[in-house]
């Protein structure tokens, strides 16, 4: 057995004064066997190992908590960036919608203006009611082709058609001398002149053919 201290018997009477002189306190003495001593050492070593394990786990947990805190801060910054990007995208969508509406309005305005211009041109043509010079020259050219017998007759017909078209254009370009004459009388006079010129041209063609 291993003796630790003394229990205050007669054999250890000399040790008590020393202990009292050193610490001025009474120290309890316990007697342990070798097995109990080994168990005590094993328990102490197990406790030390448990403390080391707990310390390691505590350090790991602290590192994880620190990383999680850093990640949370980074995640918060990223979330703020995402929110800003969403706001920018919403503003861009609103701007694009406004631009599209403005573009549609401008297209509608252009279409209405083009329709107005086209309608005004057609109305002017319908109100004027005068045939174009090409329409007047077509019957003369057909007559020349029907009665044509040579190059000279064709040349004469084309010259007559050109003279009639030029005279017709001059007749169209002439303005009425007085404001009292209506447009219908002016157009009737023009038609009479054109008919007389056509008869003259036909007579010239027949004379050239004979």
Protein backbone atom coordinates (compact mmCIF):
# COMPACT_ATOMS: atom_id res chain seq x y z
CA UNK A 1 0.00 0.00 0.00
CA UNK A 2 0.98 3.59 -0.54
CA UNK A 3 0.62 5.89 2.43
CA UNK A 4 -0.12 9.51 1.85
CA UNK A 5 0.38 11.59 4.96
CA UNK A 6 -0.59 10.29 8.45
CA UNK A 7 -3.79 9.82 10.36
CA UNK A 8 -2.50 11.40 13.57
CA UNK A 9 -1.26 8.17 15.30
CA UNK A 10 1.69 7.81 17.65
CA UNK A 11 4.16 6.75 14.99
CA UNK A 12 3.70 9.94 13.07
CA UNK A 13 3.76 12.27 15.93
CA UNK A 14 6.92 13.93 14.72
CA UNK A 15 5.50 14.75 11.26
CA UNK A 16 2.57 16.77 12.55
CA UNK A 17 4.63 19.63 13.90
CA UNK A 18 6.53 19.91 10.62
CA UNK A 19 3.35 20.11 8.60
CA UNK A 20 1.92 22.61 10.97
CA UNK A 21 5.08 24.66 10.85
CA UNK A 22 5.19 24.65 7.06
CA UNK A 23 1.61 25.52 6.28
CA UNK A 24 0.25 26.14 9.75
CA UNK A 25 -2.61 23.87 8.69
CA UNK A 26 -3.50 20.31 9.35
CA UNK A 27 -3.18 18.03 6.26
CA UNK A 28 -5.38 14.97 6.06
CA UNK A 29 -3.45 11.84 5.28
CA UNK A 30 -5.07 9.11 3.14
CA UNK A 31 -3.75 5.63 2.56
CA UNK A 32 -4.40 4.24 -1.00
CA UNK A 33 -3.62 0.93 -2.55
CA UNK A 34 -1.71 0.57 -5.83
CA UNK A 35 -4.90 -0.29 -7.76
CA UNK A 36 -6.67 2.76 -6.47
CA UNK A 37 -3.65 4.87 -7.35
CA UNK A 38 -3.66 3.53 -10.92
CA UNK A 39 -7.38 4.20 -11.24
CA UNK A 40 -6.83 7.73 -10.03
CA UNK A 41 -4.13 8.31 -12.61
CA UNK A 42 -6.28 6.82 -15.37
CA UNK A 43 -9.20 9.04 -14.41
CA UNK A 44 -6.93 12.05 -14.46
CA UNK A 45 -5.54 11.18 -17.88
CA UNK A 46 -9.06 10.56 -19.21
CA UNK A 47 -10.16 13.92 -17.84
CA UNK A 48 -7.20 15.63 -19.51
CA UNK A 49 -7.99 13.94 -22.80
CA UNK A 50 -11.65 14.93 -22.48
CA UNK A 51 -10.62 18.51 -21.80
CA UNK A 52 -8.37 18.51 -24.86
CA UNK A 53 -11.17 17.09 -27.01
CA UNK A 54 -13.63 19.67 -25.75
CA UNK A 55 -11.09 22.43 -26.30
CA UNK A 56 -10.55 21.28 -29.89
CA UNK A 57 -14.28 21.14 -30.53
CA UNK A 58 -14.70 24.56 -28.99
CA UNK A 59 -12.00 26.00 -31.25
CA UNK A 60 -13.56 24.38 -34.31
CA UNK A 61 -16.98 25.71 -33.36
CA UNK A 62 -15.48 29.17 -32.87
CA UNK A 63 -13.88 29.05 -36.33
CA UNK A 64 -17.15 27.93 -37.86
CA UNK A 65 -19.03 30.69 -36.10
CA UNK A 66 -16.49 33.23 -37.32
CA UNK A 67 -16.76 31.93 -40.87
CA UNK A 68 -20.53 31.91 -40.66
CA UNK A 69 -20.48 35.50 -39.41
CA UNK A 70 -18.20 36.51 -42.27
CA UNK A 71 -20.36 34.62 -44.72
CA UNK A 72 -23.44 36.28 -43.32
CA UNK A 73 -21.87 39.70 -43.79
CA UNK A 74 -20.83 38.78 -47.34
CA UNK A 75 -24.29 37.36 -48.00
CA UNK A 76 -25.85 40.58 -46.76
CA UNK A 77 -23.68 42.63 -49.11
CA UNK A 78 -24.60 40.34 -52.01
CA UNK A 79 -28.28 40.65 -51.13
CA UNK A 80 -27.98 44.44 -51.18
CA UNK A 81 -26.32 44.23 -54.61
CA UNK A 82 -29.12 42.01 -55.88
CA UNK A 83 -31.74 44.45 -54.59
CA UNK A 84 -30.00 47.36 -56.32
CA UNK A 85 -29.79 45.37 -59.56
CA UNK A 86 -33.51 44.58 -59.35
CA UNK A 87 -34.32 48.25 -58.84
CA UNK A 88 -32.19 49.18 -61.87
CA UNK A 89 -33.89 46.52 -63.98
CA UNK A 90 -37.33 47.80 -62.94
CA UNK A 91 -36.36 51.35 -63.87
CA UNK A 92 -35.01 50.15 -67.22
CA UNK A 93 -38.24 48.25 -67.88
CA UNK A 94 -40.31 51.34 -67.13
CA UNK A 95 -38.09 53.44 -69.41
CA UNK A 96 -38.36 50.86 -72.19
CA UNK A 97 -42.15 50.75 -71.84
CA UNK A 98 -42.37 54.55 -72.05
CA UNK A 99 -40.09 54.59 -75.10
CA UNK A 100 -42.21 51.92 -76.79
CA UNK A 101 -45.40 53.88 -76.14
CA UNK A 102 -43.83 57.03 -77.54
CA UNK A 103 -42.64 55.12 -80.61
CA UNK A 104 -46.13 53.73 -81.20
CA UNK A 105 -47.62 57.21 -80.91
CA UNK A 106 -45.14 58.59 -83.43
CA UNK A 107 -45.88 55.73 -85.83
CA UNK A 108 -49.59 56.38 -85.51
CA UNK A 109 -49.03 60.09 -86.17
CA UNK A 110 -46.95 59.33 -89.26
CA UNK A 111 -49.57 56.92 -90.56
CA UNK A 112 -52.35 59.46 -90.07
CA UNK A 113 -50.28 62.16 -91.77
CA UNK A 114 -49.48 59.88 -94.72
CA UNK A 115 -53.16 58.94 -95.05
CA UNK A 116 -54.11 62.60 -95.00
CA UNK A 117 -51.53 63.43 -97.68
CA UNK A 118 -52.66 60.53 -99.88
CA UNK A 119 -56.32 61.45 -99.41
CA UNK A 120 -55.60 65.09 -100.30
CA UNK A 121 -53.74 64.10 -103.48
CA UNK A 122 -56.56 61.82 -104.59
CA UNK A 123 -59.14 64.51 -103.85
CA UNK A 124 -57.22 67.03 -105.94
CA UNK A 125 -57.04 64.58 -108.86
CA UNK A 126 -60.75 63.84 -108.60
CA UNK A 127 -61.64 67.53 -108.40
CA UNK A 128 -59.45 68.45 -111.36
CA UNK A 129 -60.88 65.69 -113.61
CA UNK A 130 -58.49 66.62 -116.45
CA UNK A 131 -56.84 63.84 -118.48
CA UNK A 132 -53.09 63.58 -118.51
CA UNK A 133 -51.10 64.36 -121.67
CA UNK A 134 -50.21 60.67 -121.98
CA UNK A 135 -53.92 59.81 -122.15
CA UNK A 136 -54.36 62.29 -125.02
CA UNK A 137 -51.40 61.05 -127.04
CA UNK A 138 -52.38 57.36 -126.82
CA UNK A 139 -55.35 57.60 -129.30
CA UNK A 140 -53.21 59.57 -131.74
CA UNK A 141 -50.44 56.98 -131.62
CA UNK A 142 -52.98 54.19 -132.18
CA UNK A 143 -54.40 56.04 -135.21
CA UNK A 144 -50.89 56.47 -136.60
CA UNK A 145 -50.15 52.77 -136.18
CA UNK A 146 -53.42 51.77 -137.87
CA UNK A 147 -52.93 54.04 -140.91
CA UNK A 148 -49.14 53.75 -141.04
CA UNK A 149 -47.58 52.73 -144.35
CA UNK A 150 -44.00 53.86 -144.01
CA UNK A 151 -41.40 55.53 -141.91
CA UNK A 152 -42.36 58.98 -143.16
CA UNK A 153 -45.99 58.57 -142.16
CA UNK A 154 -44.98 57.30 -138.69
CA UNK A 155 -42.65 60.24 -138.25
CA UNK A 156 -45.41 62.62 -139.29
CA UNK A 157 -47.83 60.98 -136.86
CA UNK A 158 -45.37 61.20 -133.99
CA UNK A 159 -44.65 64.83 -134.82
CA UNK A 160 -48.36 65.60 -134.97
CA UNK A 161 -48.91 63.79 -131.66
CA UNK A 162 -46.07 65.74 -130.06
CA UNK A 163 -47.45 69.04 -131.39
CA UNK A 164 -50.94 68.18 -130.17
CA UNK A 165 -49.66 67.18 -126.73
CA UNK A 166 -47.59 70.36 -126.44
CA UNK A 167 -50.52 72.47 -127.56
CA UNK A 168 -52.74 70.58 -125.12
CA UNK A 169 -50.29 71.25 -122.31
CA UNK A 170 -50.21 74.91 -123.23
CA UNK A 171 -53.98 74.90 -123.21
CA UNK A 172 -53.98 73.37 -119.76
CA UNK A 173 -51.41 75.83 -118.47
CA UNK A 174 -53.38 78.88 -119.68
CA UNK A 175 -55.24 80.71 -116.99
CA UNK A 176 -58.71 82.19 -117.47
CA UNK A 177 -58.76 85.89 -118.22
CA UNK A 178 -61.82 86.59 -116.16
CA UNK A 179 -62.94 85.24 -112.82
CA UNK A 180 -66.58 85.06 -113.93
CA UNK A 181 -66.01 81.90 -116.05
CA UNK A 182 -66.48 78.69 -114.11
CA UNK A 183 -64.08 75.75 -114.30
CA UNK A 184 -66.54 73.70 -116.38
CA UNK A 185 -66.57 76.25 -119.24
CA UNK A 186 -62.75 76.36 -119.27
CA UNK A 187 -62.57 72.56 -119.45
CA UNK A 188 -65.21 72.54 -122.24
CA UNK A 189 -63.17 75.03 -124.29
CA UNK A 190 -60.06 72.88 -123.81
CA UNK A 191 -61.90 69.80 -124.99
CA UNK A 192 -63.11 71.62 -128.12
CA UNK A 193 -59.58 72.74 -128.91
CA UNK A 194 -58.26 69.22 -128.45
CA UNK A 195 -60.96 67.78 -130.70
CA UNK A 196 -60.19 70.32 -133.43
CA UNK A 197 -56.48 69.59 -133.17
CA UNK A 198 -57.20 65.87 -133.35
CA UNK A 199 -59.25 66.37 -136.52
CA UNK A 200 -56.44 68.46 -138.00
CA UNK A 201 -53.93 65.73 -137.16
CA UNK A 202 -56.16 63.05 -138.68
CA UNK A 203 -56.51 65.11 -141.87
CA UNK A 204 -52.73 65.57 -142.04
CA UNK A 205 -52.24 61.81 -141.60
CA UNK A 206 -54.74 60.99 -144.35
CA UNK A 207 -53.09 63.50 -146.70
CA UNK A 208 -49.67 62.01 -145.97
CA UNK A 209 -50.95 58.51 -146.64
CA UNK A 210 -52.50 59.52 -149.98
